[in-house]
Amino acid sequence: GTIAKSGTKAFMEMVQETKDASMI
């Protein structure tokens, strides 16, 4: 919760583009 993983932002950007959450 309080410490974001380094990949959080990159994952959100990818999901908004591809609409695919399977690489989470």
PDB file of all heavy atoms in Angstrom:
ATOM      1  N   GLY A   1       0.729  -1.259   0.000  1.00  0.00           N
ATOM      2  CA  GLY A   1       0.000   0.000   0.000  1.00  0.00           C
ATOM      3  C   GLY A   1       0.753   1.300   0.000  1.00  0.00           C
ATOM      4  O   GLY A   1       0.400   2.215  -0.737  1.00  0.00           O
ATOM      5  N   THR A   2       1.791   1.414   0.823  1.00  0.00           N
ATOM      6  CA  THR A   2       2.381   2.750   0.962  1.00  0.00           C
ATOM      7  C   THR A   2       3.623   2.953   0.099  1.00  0.00           C
ATOM      8  O   THR A   2       4.056   4.088  -0.093  1.00  0.00           O
ATOM      9  CB  THR A   2       2.741   3.048   2.439  1.00  0.00           C
ATOM     10  OG1 THR A   2       3.648   2.046   2.905  1.00  0.00           O
ATOM     11  CG2 THR A   2       1.501   3.061   3.309  1.00  0.00           C
ATOM     12  N   ILE A   3       4.204   1.877  -0.420  1.00  0.00           N
ATOM     13  CA  ILE A   3       5.369   2.028  -1.289  1.00  0.00           C
ATOM     14  C   ILE A   3       5.026   1.450  -2.664  1.00  0.00           C
ATOM     15  O   ILE A   3       4.818   0.243  -2.815  1.00  0.00           O
ATOM     16  CB  ILE A   3       6.606   1.313  -0.704  1.00  0.00           C
ATOM     17  CG1 ILE A   3       6.978   1.930   0.658  1.00  0.00           C
ATOM     18  CG2 ILE A   3       7.785   1.402  -1.666  1.00  0.00           C
ATOM     19  CD1 ILE A   3       8.130   1.264   1.362  1.00  0.00           C
ATOM     20  N   ALA A   4       4.958   2.321  -3.663  1.00  0.00           N
ATOM     21  CA  ALA A   4       4.607   1.870  -5.023  1.00  0.00           C
ATOM     22  C   ALA A   4       5.785   1.129  -5.640  1.00  0.00           C
ATOM     23  O   ALA A   4       6.935   1.510  -5.472  1.00  0.00           O
ATOM     24  CB  ALA A   4       4.236   3.064  -5.886  1.00  0.00           C
ATOM     25  N   LYS A   5       5.476   0.041  -6.336  1.00  0.00           N
ATOM     26  CA  LYS A   5       6.516  -0.687  -7.072  1.00  0.00           C
ATOM     27  C   LYS A   5       6.943   0.150  -8.283  1.00  0.00           C
ATOM     28  O   LYS A   5       6.167   0.925  -8.816  1.00  0.00           O
ATOM     29  CB  LYS A   5       5.971  -2.038  -7.551  1.00  0.00           C
ATOM     30  CG  LYS A   5       5.482  -2.953  -6.439  1.00  0.00           C
ATOM     31  CD  LYS A   5       6.641  -3.538  -5.653  1.00  0.00           C
ATOM     32  CE  LYS A   5       6.199  -4.644  -4.714  1.00  0.00           C
ATOM     33  NZ  LYS A   5       5.297  -4.210  -3.668  1.00  0.00           N
ATOM     34  N   SER A   6       8.166  -0.067  -8.713  1.00  0.00           N
ATOM     35  CA  SER A   6       8.696   0.734  -9.827  1.00  0.00           C
ATOM     36  C   SER A   6       7.892   0.543 -11.110  1.00  0.00           C
ATOM     37  O   SER A   6       7.845   1.426 -11.960  1.00  0.00           O
ATOM     38  CB  SER A   6      10.163   0.374 -10.068  1.00  0.00           C
ATOM     39  OG  SER A   6      10.294  -1.018 -10.306  1.00  0.00           O
ATOM     40  N   GLY A   7       7.220  -0.622 -11.247  1.00  0.00           N
ATOM     41  CA  GLY A   7       6.483  -0.896 -12.483  1.00  0.00           C
ATOM     42  C   GLY A   7       5.046  -0.408 -12.496  1.00  0.00           C
ATOM     43  O   GLY A   7       4.340  -0.572 -13.496  1.00  0.00           O
ATOM     44  N   THR A   8       4.594   0.214 -11.402  1.00  0.00           N
ATOM     45  CA  THR A   8       3.185   0.602 -11.295  1.00  0.00           C
ATOM     46  C   THR A   8       2.751   1.528 -12.433  1.00  0.00           C
ATOM     47  O   THR A   8       1.753   1.281 -13.122  1.00  0.00           O
ATOM     48  CB  THR A   8       2.916   1.296  -9.934  1.00  0.00           C
ATOM     49  OG1 THR A   8       3.387   0.464  -8.882  1.00  0.00           O
ATOM     50  CG2 THR A   8       1.426   1.542  -9.746  1.00  0.00           C
ATOM     51  N   LYS A   9       3.518   2.595 -12.623  1.00  0.00           N
ATOM     52  CA  LYS A   9       3.151   3.584 -13.644  1.00  0.00           C
ATOM     53  C   LYS A   9       3.211   2.974 -15.047  1.00  0.00           C
ATOM     54  O   LYS A   9       2.319   3.182 -15.876  1.00  0.00           O
ATOM     55  CB  LYS A   9       4.086   4.792 -13.545  1.00  0.00           C
ATOM     56  CG  LYS A   9       3.604   5.977 -14.365  1.00  0.00           C
ATOM     57  CD  LYS A   9       4.477   7.196 -14.143  1.00  0.00           C
ATOM     58  CE  LYS A   9       3.974   8.365 -14.970  1.00  0.00           C
ATOM     59  NZ  LYS A   9       4.890   9.522 -14.893  1.00  0.00           N
ATOM     60  N   ALA A  10       4.273   2.191 -15.307  1.00  0.00           N
ATOM     61  CA  ALA A  10       4.440   1.573 -16.634  1.00  0.00           C
ATOM     62  C   ALA A  10       3.274   0.625 -16.931  1.00  0.00           C
ATOM     63  O   ALA A  10       2.763   0.583 -18.059  1.00  0.00           O
ATOM     64  CB  ALA A  10       5.765   0.813 -16.694  1.00  0.00           C
ATOM     65  N   PHE A  11       2.841  -0.127 -15.910  1.00  0.00           N
ATOM     66  CA  PHE A  11       1.719  -1.051 -16.101  1.00  0.00           C
ATOM     67  C   PHE A  11       0.433  -0.285 -16.425  1.00  0.00           C
ATOM     68  O   PHE A  11      -0.307  -0.661 -17.337  1.00  0.00           O
ATOM     69  CB  PHE A  11       1.509  -1.921 -14.858  1.00  0.00           C
ATOM     70  CG  PHE A  11       0.258  -2.758 -14.926  1.00  0.00           C
ATOM     71  CD1 PHE A  11       0.191  -3.852 -15.772  1.00  0.00           C
ATOM     72  CD2 PHE A  11      -0.862  -2.429 -14.178  1.00  0.00           C
ATOM     73  CE1 PHE A  11      -0.971  -4.605 -15.874  1.00  0.00           C
ATOM     74  CE2 PHE A  11      -2.031  -3.183 -14.267  1.00  0.00           C
ATOM     75  CZ  PHE A  11      -2.073  -4.271 -15.115  1.00  0.00           C
ATOM     76  N   MET A  12       0.182   0.797 -15.692  1.00  0.00           N
ATOM     77  CA  MET A  12      -1.037   1.577 -15.932  1.00  0.00           C
ATOM     78  C   MET A  12      -1.065   2.141 -17.353  1.00  0.00           C
ATOM     79  O   MET A  12      -2.101   2.125 -18.015  1.00  0.00           O
ATOM     80  CB  MET A  12      -1.155   2.706 -14.902  1.00  0.00           C
ATOM     81  CG  MET A  12      -1.525   2.213 -13.517  1.00  0.00           C
ATOM     82  SD  MET A  12      -2.046   3.545 -12.407  1.00  0.00           S
ATOM     83  CE  MET A  12      -0.505   4.382 -12.115  1.00  0.00           C
ATOM     84  N   GLU A  13       0.087   2.614 -17.805  1.00  0.00           N
ATOM     85  CA  GLU A  13       0.166   3.149 -19.173  1.00  0.00           C
ATOM     86  C   GLU A  13      -0.124   2.066 -20.203  1.00  0.00           C
ATOM     87  O   GLU A  13      -0.854   2.281 -21.176  1.00  0.00           O
ATOM     88  CB  GLU A  13       1.552   3.766 -19.412  1.00  0.00           C
ATOM     89  CG  GLU A  13       1.748   5.081 -18.669  1.00  0.00           C
ATOM     90  CD  GLU A  13       3.190   5.571 -18.709  1.00  0.00           C
ATOM     91  OE1 GLU A  13       4.061   4.841 -19.252  1.00  0.00           O
ATOM     92  OE2 GLU A  13       3.448   6.676 -18.190  1.00  0.00           O
ATOM     93  N   MET A  14       0.444   0.862 -19.959  1.00  0.00           N
ATOM     94  CA  MET A  14       0.233  -0.233 -20.902  1.00  0.00           C
ATOM     95  C   MET A  14      -1.236  -0.661 -20.947  1.00  0.00           C
ATOM     96  O   MET A  14      -1.800  -0.879 -22.017  1.00  0.00           O
ATOM     97  CB  MET A  14       1.103  -1.432 -20.517  1.00  0.00           C
ATOM     98  CG  MET A  14       1.111  -2.539 -21.556  1.00  0.00           C
ATOM     99  SD  MET A  14       1.436  -4.161 -20.860  1.00  0.00           S
ATOM    100  CE  MET A  14      -0.127  -4.545 -20.103  1.00  0.00           C
ATOM    101  N   VAL A  15      -1.864  -0.745 -19.773  1.00  0.00           N
ATOM    102  CA  VAL A  15      -3.264  -1.169 -19.694  1.00  0.00           C
ATOM    103  C   VAL A  15      -4.189  -0.168 -20.385  1.00  0.00           C
ATOM    104  O   VAL A  15      -5.131  -0.543 -21.079  1.00  0.00           O
ATOM    105  CB  VAL A  15      -3.698  -1.374 -18.221  1.00  0.00           C
ATOM    106  CG1 VAL A  15      -5.201  -1.507 -18.108  1.00  0.00           C
ATOM    107  CG2 VAL A  15      -3.047  -2.625 -17.670  1.00  0.00           C
ATOM    108  N   GLN A  16      -3.902   1.108 -20.205  1.00  0.00           N
ATOM    109  CA  GLN A  16      -4.743   2.135 -20.837  1.00  0.00           C
ATOM    110  C   GLN A  16      -4.644   2.060 -22.363  1.00  0.00           C
ATOM    111  O   GLN A  16      -5.595   2.357 -23.067  1.00  0.00           O
ATOM    112  CB  GLN A  16      -4.353   3.521 -20.319  1.00  0.00           C
ATOM    113  CG  GLN A  16      -4.925   3.773 -18.919  1.00  0.00           C
ATOM    114  CD  GLN A  16      -4.287   4.962 -18.216  1.00  0.00           C
ATOM    115  OE1 GLN A  16      -3.153   5.330 -18.487  1.00  0.00           O
ATOM    116  NE2 GLN A  16      -5.024   5.562 -17.305  1.00  0.00           N
ATOM    117  N   GLU A  17      -3.491   1.617 -22.847  1.00  0.00           N
ATOM    118  CA  GLU A  17      -3.301   1.470 -24.298  1.00  0.00           C
ATOM    119  C   GLU A  17      -3.921   0.187 -24.827  1.00  0.00           C
ATOM    120  O   GLU A  17      -4.633   0.175 -25.817  1.00  0.00           O
ATOM    121  CB  GLU A  17      -1.800   1.470 -24.640  1.00  0.00           C
ATOM    122  CG  GLU A  17      -1.192   2.855 -24.713  1.00  0.00           C
ATOM    123  CD  GLU A  17       0.295   2.779 -25.021  1.00  0.00           C
ATOM    124  OE1 GLU A  17       0.708   1.853 -25.748  1.00  0.00           O
ATOM    125  OE2 GLU A  17       1.036   3.633 -24.522  1.00  0.00           O
ATOM    126  N   THR A  18      -3.634  -0.939 -24.144  1.00  0.00           N
ATOM    127  CA  THR A  18      -3.997  -2.261 -24.684  1.00  0.00           C
ATOM    128  C   THR A  18      -5.293  -2.824 -24.128  1.00  0.00           C
ATOM    129  O   THR A  18      -5.849  -3.772 -24.675  1.00  0.00           O
ATOM    130  CB  THR A  18      -2.875  -3.278 -24.384  1.00  0.00           C
ATOM    131  OG1 THR A  18      -2.785  -3.452 -22.955  1.00  0.00           O
ATOM    132  CG2 THR A  18      -1.537  -2.817 -24.921  1.00  0.00           C
ATOM    133  N   LYS A  19      -5.779  -2.289 -22.970  1.00  0.00           N
ATOM    134  CA  LYS A  19      -6.964  -2.822 -22.273  1.00  0.00           C
ATOM    135  C   LYS A  19      -6.766  -4.282 -21.854  1.00  0.00           C
ATOM    136  O   LYS A  19      -7.715  -5.046 -21.723  1.00  0.00           O
ATOM    137  CB  LYS A  19      -8.238  -2.725 -23.145  1.00  0.00           C
ATOM    138  CG  LYS A  19      -8.510  -1.343 -23.707  1.00  0.00           C
ATOM    139  CD  LYS A  19      -8.775  -0.349 -22.621  1.00  0.00           C
ATOM    140  CE  LYS A  19      -9.072   1.037 -23.193  1.00  0.00           C
ATOM    141  NZ  LYS A  19      -8.868   2.113 -22.220  1.00  0.00           N
ATOM    142  N   ASP A  20      -5.507  -4.665 -21.654  1.00  0.00           N
ATOM    143  CA  ASP A  20      -5.197  -6.051 -21.291  1.00  0.00           C
ATOM    144  C   ASP A  20      -4.409  -6.060 -19.984  1.00  0.00           C
ATOM    145  O   ASP A  20      -3.321  -5.498 -19.908  1.00  0.00           O
ATOM    146  CB  ASP A  20      -4.371  -6.703 -22.412  1.00  0.00           C
ATOM    147  CG  ASP A  20      -4.007  -8.152 -22.103  1.00  0.00           C
ATOM    148  OD1 ASP A  20      -4.589  -8.706 -21.142  1.00  0.00           O
ATOM    149  OD2 ASP A  20      -3.158  -8.710 -22.802  1.00  0.00           O
ATOM    150  N   ALA A  21      -4.980  -6.694 -18.955  1.00  0.00           N
ATOM    151  CA  ALA A  21      -4.331  -6.706 -17.633  1.00  0.00           C
ATOM    152  C   ALA A  21      -3.500  -7.962 -17.404  1.00  0.00           C
ATOM    153  O   ALA A  21      -2.916  -8.137 -16.340  1.00  0.00           O
ATOM    154  CB  ALA A  21      -5.394  -6.600 -16.546  1.00  0.00           C
ATOM    155  N   SER A  22      -3.407  -8.835 -18.385  1.00  0.00           N
ATOM    156  CA  SER A  22      -2.807 -10.160 -18.160  1.00  0.00           C
ATOM    157  C   SER A  22      -1.310 -10.123 -17.853  1.00  0.00           C
ATOM    158  O   SER A  22      -0.756 -11.071 -17.319  1.00  0.00           O
ATOM    159  CB  SER A  22      -3.063 -11.079 -19.363  1.00  0.00           C
ATOM    160  OG  SER A  22      -2.453 -10.548 -20.517  1.00  0.00           O
ATOM    161  N   MET A  23      -0.629  -8.999 -18.166  1.00  0.00           N
ATOM    162  CA  MET A  23       0.813  -8.904 -17.920  1.00  0.00           C
ATOM    163  C   MET A  23       1.128  -8.320 -16.538  1.00  0.00           C
ATOM    164  O   MET A  23       2.274  -8.042 -16.231  1.00  0.00           O
ATOM    165  CB  MET A  23       1.466  -8.016 -18.992  1.00  0.00           C
ATOM    166  CG  MET A  23       1.235  -8.480 -20.408  1.00  0.00           C
ATOM    167  SD  MET A  23       2.253  -9.901 -20.804  1.00  0.00           S
ATOM    168  CE  MET A  23       3.814  -9.085 -21.132  1.00  0.00           C
ATOM    169  N   ILE A  24       0.126  -8.167 -15.708  1.00  0.00           N
ATOM    170  CA  ILE A  24       0.269  -7.446 -14.434  1.00  0.00           C
ATOM    171  C   ILE A  24       1.416  -7.966 -13.562  1.00  0.00           C
ATOM    172  O   ILE A  24       2.135  -7.193 -12.933  1.00  0.00           O
ATOM    173  CB  ILE A  24      -1.075  -7.444 -13.658  1.00  0.00           C
ATOM    174  CG1 ILE A  24      -1.015  -6.494 -12.450  1.00  0.00           C
ATOM    175  CG2 ILE A  24      -1.504  -8.860 -13.245  1.00  0.00           C
ATOM    176  CD1 ILE A  24      -2.372  -6.198 -11.834  1.00  0.00           C
TER     177      ILE A  24
END
